[in-house]
Amino acid sequence: MSRIFCLETEWTQSIHDLKDKSTVHSLLEFIEGTLQIQYVFRQVATLEDFDYYIRHLQAASYASYDLVYLCFHGTSGAIAFAEKSEYQLSDFAKEHKGIFKDRTVIFDSCSTLNLDEEDIQYFKKTTGARMVIGYRKRVDFIKSFVFEFWLLTTIISHPDFGPKRLSSLADREMPTHVASLGFVCY
């Protein structure tokens, strides 16, 4: 049975308004309620926050969290935080070797996987990820929300699917979303 480990950035940085709510938490609650899938969730504002929480994946108590769902701003080859700092995937891979061993990693961020295949394969191999999933284009919130509900439920329902089979199913069942988001799966 899959479990989801989710980190989400604060989408805007404001010292005056702490009332902004998570955009992905409601999706996780819905999946938990309908599919009985456990999840852990943290919002992170900075690279330091991110590193602190991502290291939890190395603890034995998190071994069963096989879906890593990372919801951030993004640029080609990087995730970005509310205060505009970026974390390059290549730097992350060097600093966190093996951290995603046998896990599926989903980047819910604009353009993060707009990279050469060899760079994505380097990230996958170095971090030990089973699959690396994300987008090559800018992400529309509503489209990505609908698509990621489909994506998460499909991965949970078919834990034996690999990247080719998942991509093929996405092309068949969600072609408009695949094209508009630049969905890729390795």
Protein backbone atom coordinates (compact mmCIF):
# COMPACT_ATOMS: atom_id res chain seq x y z
CA MET A 1 0.00 0.00 0.00
CA SER A 2 1.42 3.35 -1.07
CA ARG A 3 1.95 6.30 1.24
CA ILE A 4 2.61 9.88 0.15
CA PHE A 5 5.36 12.15 1.47
CA CYS A 6 4.54 15.70 0.36
CA LEU A 7 6.45 18.97 0.65
CA GLU A 8 4.88 22.15 -0.68
CA THR A 9 6.39 25.60 -0.84
CA GLU A 10 4.63 28.71 0.35
CA TRP A 11 3.46 30.08 -2.99
CA THR A 12 3.84 33.72 -2.00
CA GLN A 13 6.14 35.25 0.53
CA SER A 14 4.51 37.81 2.73
CA ILE A 15 5.51 38.88 6.20
CA HIS A 16 2.08 40.48 6.59
CA ASP A 17 -0.26 37.62 5.68
CA LEU A 18 0.12 34.20 7.23
CA LYS A 19 -3.40 33.12 6.26
CA ASP A 20 -2.56 31.60 2.86
CA LYS A 21 -3.58 27.98 2.75
CA SER A 22 -1.97 25.05 1.03
CA THR A 23 -3.12 24.38 -2.50
CA VAL A 24 -2.38 20.65 -2.44
CA HIS A 25 -3.51 19.69 1.04
CA SER A 26 -7.16 19.33 -0.02
CA LEU A 27 -6.12 16.89 -2.77
CA LEU A 28 -4.20 14.79 -0.24
CA GLU A 29 -7.13 14.80 2.17
CA PHE A 30 -9.47 13.68 -0.62
CA ILE A 31 -7.14 10.84 -1.62
CA GLU A 32 -6.79 9.79 2.01
CA GLY A 33 -10.57 9.82 2.49
CA THR A 34 -11.47 7.99 -0.71
CA LEU A 35 -8.55 5.58 -1.12
CA GLN A 36 -7.41 5.30 2.52
CA ILE A 37 -3.88 6.37 1.55
CA GLN A 38 -1.79 7.81 4.37
CA TYR A 39 0.28 10.89 3.81
CA VAL A 40 2.59 13.29 5.58
CA PHE A 41 2.57 16.92 4.56
CA ARG A 42 4.70 19.95 5.36
CA GLN A 43 4.84 23.43 3.92
CA VAL A 44 8.35 24.77 3.49
CA ALA A 45 9.43 28.32 2.85
CA THR A 46 13.17 27.98 2.36
CA LEU A 47 15.85 25.63 1.12
CA GLU A 48 16.82 24.98 4.74
CA ASP A 49 13.24 23.91 5.55
CA PHE A 50 13.22 21.68 2.49
CA ASP A 51 16.51 19.99 3.40
CA TYR A 52 15.36 19.46 6.97
CA TYR A 53 12.16 17.67 5.93
CA ILE A 54 13.50 15.77 2.90
CA ARG A 55 16.11 14.13 5.15
CA HIS A 56 13.25 12.47 7.05
CA LEU A 57 13.04 10.04 4.13
CA GLN A 58 16.25 8.45 5.41
CA ALA A 59 14.59 7.45 8.70
CA ALA A 60 13.23 3.92 9.04
CA SER A 61 9.86 5.32 10.12
CA TYR A 62 9.44 6.82 6.61
CA ALA A 63 10.51 3.74 4.65
CA SER A 64 6.94 2.96 3.59
CA TYR A 65 6.41 6.41 2.00
CA ASP A 66 7.02 5.41 -1.59
CA LEU A 67 5.47 8.43 -3.35
CA VAL A 68 7.36 11.70 -2.94
CA TYR A 69 5.22 14.61 -4.08
CA LEU A 70 7.13 17.90 -4.37
CA CYS A 71 4.99 20.98 -5.03
CA PHE A 72 7.07 24.06 -5.80
CA HIS A 73 7.70 26.90 -8.15
CA GLY A 74 10.03 25.70 -10.87
CA THR A 75 12.41 26.58 -13.63
CA SER A 76 14.26 24.34 -16.05
CA GLY A 77 16.19 21.85 -13.92
CA ALA A 78 15.27 23.37 -10.56
CA ILE A 79 12.63 23.84 -7.91
CA ALA A 80 12.18 27.32 -6.46
CA PHE A 81 10.94 28.70 -3.17
CA ALA A 82 8.68 31.62 -2.31
CA GLU A 83 11.63 33.92 -1.67
CA LYS A 84 12.91 33.08 -5.20
CA SER A 85 15.92 30.93 -4.31
CA GLU A 86 16.38 27.85 -6.51
CA TYR A 87 17.65 24.34 -5.89
CA GLN A 88 19.14 22.72 -8.99
CA LEU A 89 18.25 19.04 -9.39
CA SER A 90 21.87 18.21 -10.16
CA ASP A 91 23.00 19.81 -6.87
CA PHE A 92 20.23 18.03 -4.97
CA ALA A 93 21.27 14.67 -6.46
CA LYS A 94 24.93 15.19 -5.45
CA GLU A 95 23.97 16.16 -1.91
CA HIS A 96 21.31 13.48 -1.39
CA LYS A 97 22.62 10.32 -3.05
CA GLY A 98 20.19 7.42 -2.75
CA ILE A 99 17.54 9.39 -0.85
CA PHE A 100 14.71 8.33 -3.19
CA LYS A 101 15.71 4.65 -3.37
CA ASP A 102 12.82 2.72 -4.95
CA ARG A 103 10.46 5.71 -4.65
CA THR A 104 8.43 7.54 -7.25
CA VAL A 105 9.15 11.28 -7.28
CA ILE A 106 6.57 13.69 -8.68
CA PHE A 107 7.59 17.29 -9.35
CA ASP A 108 4.48 19.46 -9.33
CA SER A 109 6.30 22.53 -10.61
CA CYS A 110 6.60 24.57 -13.78
CA SER A 111 9.26 23.39 -16.23
CA THR A 112 11.42 21.52 -13.68
CA LEU A 113 11.85 18.54 -16.00
CA ASN A 114 12.51 20.71 -19.05
CA LEU A 115 15.92 19.03 -19.28
CA ASP A 116 17.79 16.66 -21.52
CA GLU A 117 16.90 13.05 -20.85
CA GLU A 118 20.46 12.30 -19.73
CA ASP A 119 20.18 14.94 -16.97
CA ILE A 120 16.92 13.42 -15.73
CA GLN A 121 18.45 9.93 -15.87
CA TYR A 122 21.44 11.21 -13.86
CA PHE A 123 19.06 12.56 -11.20
CA LYS A 124 17.09 9.31 -11.19
CA LYS A 125 20.16 7.10 -10.91
CA THR A 126 21.97 9.23 -8.33
CA THR A 127 18.96 9.60 -6.03
CA GLY A 128 17.85 5.98 -6.58
CA ALA A 129 14.36 6.99 -7.71
CA ARG A 130 12.15 4.29 -9.22
CA MET A 131 10.38 6.90 -11.39
CA VAL A 132 10.80 10.64 -11.88
CA ILE A 133 7.67 12.47 -13.06
CA GLY A 134 7.00 16.11 -13.86
CA TYR A 135 6.45 18.80 -16.42
CA ARG A 136 8.41 20.50 -19.17
CA LYS A 137 6.03 23.48 -19.44
CA ARG A 138 4.37 26.08 -17.23
CA VAL A 139 1.79 24.50 -14.99
CA ASP A 140 -1.77 25.77 -14.83
CA PHE A 141 -3.03 25.16 -11.28
CA ILE A 142 -6.47 23.75 -12.16
CA LYS A 143 -5.18 21.53 -14.99
CA SER A 144 -2.37 20.18 -12.82
CA PHE A 145 -4.75 19.58 -9.89
CA VAL A 146 -7.07 17.47 -12.08
CA PHE A 147 -4.15 15.68 -13.73
CA GLU A 148 -2.38 14.96 -10.44
CA PHE A 149 -5.52 13.47 -8.96
CA TRP A 150 -5.58 11.12 -11.96
CA LEU A 151 -1.80 10.54 -11.68
CA LEU A 152 -1.71 9.78 -7.96
CA THR A 153 -4.73 7.47 -8.07
CA THR A 154 -3.29 5.66 -11.10
CA ILE A 155 0.10 5.13 -9.43
CA ILE A 156 -1.59 3.95 -6.24
CA SER A 157 -3.93 1.61 -8.17
CA HIS A 158 -1.13 0.22 -10.35
CA PRO A 159 2.05 0.04 -8.26
CA ASP A 160 3.64 -2.30 -10.82
CA PHE A 161 3.49 0.28 -13.65
CA GLY A 162 6.83 1.58 -14.84
CA PRO A 163 7.50 4.84 -16.69
CA LYS A 164 6.63 3.59 -20.18
CA ARG A 165 3.37 2.00 -19.13
CA LEU A 166 2.34 5.03 -17.07
CA SER A 167 3.20 7.40 -19.93
CA SER A 168 1.24 5.30 -22.39
CA LEU A 169 -1.82 5.29 -20.11
CA ALA A 170 -1.54 9.06 -19.60
CA ASP A 171 -1.38 9.57 -23.38
CA ARG A 172 -4.56 7.50 -23.79
CA GLU A 173 -6.61 8.74 -20.84
CA MET A 174 -5.40 12.34 -20.34
CA PRO A 175 -3.99 13.49 -23.71
CA THR A 176 -5.00 17.15 -23.36
CA HIS A 177 -3.34 17.44 -19.96
CA VAL A 178 -0.23 15.55 -21.10
CA ALA A 179 0.23 17.99 -23.99
CA SER A 180 -0.61 21.23 -22.19
CA LEU A 181 1.59 20.45 -19.16
CA GLY A 182 4.45 18.81 -21.03
CA PHE A 183 4.10 15.72 -18.83
CA VAL A 184 7.12 13.40 -18.76
CA CYS A 185 7.84 10.21 -16.89
CA TYR A 186 11.23 8.46 -16.57
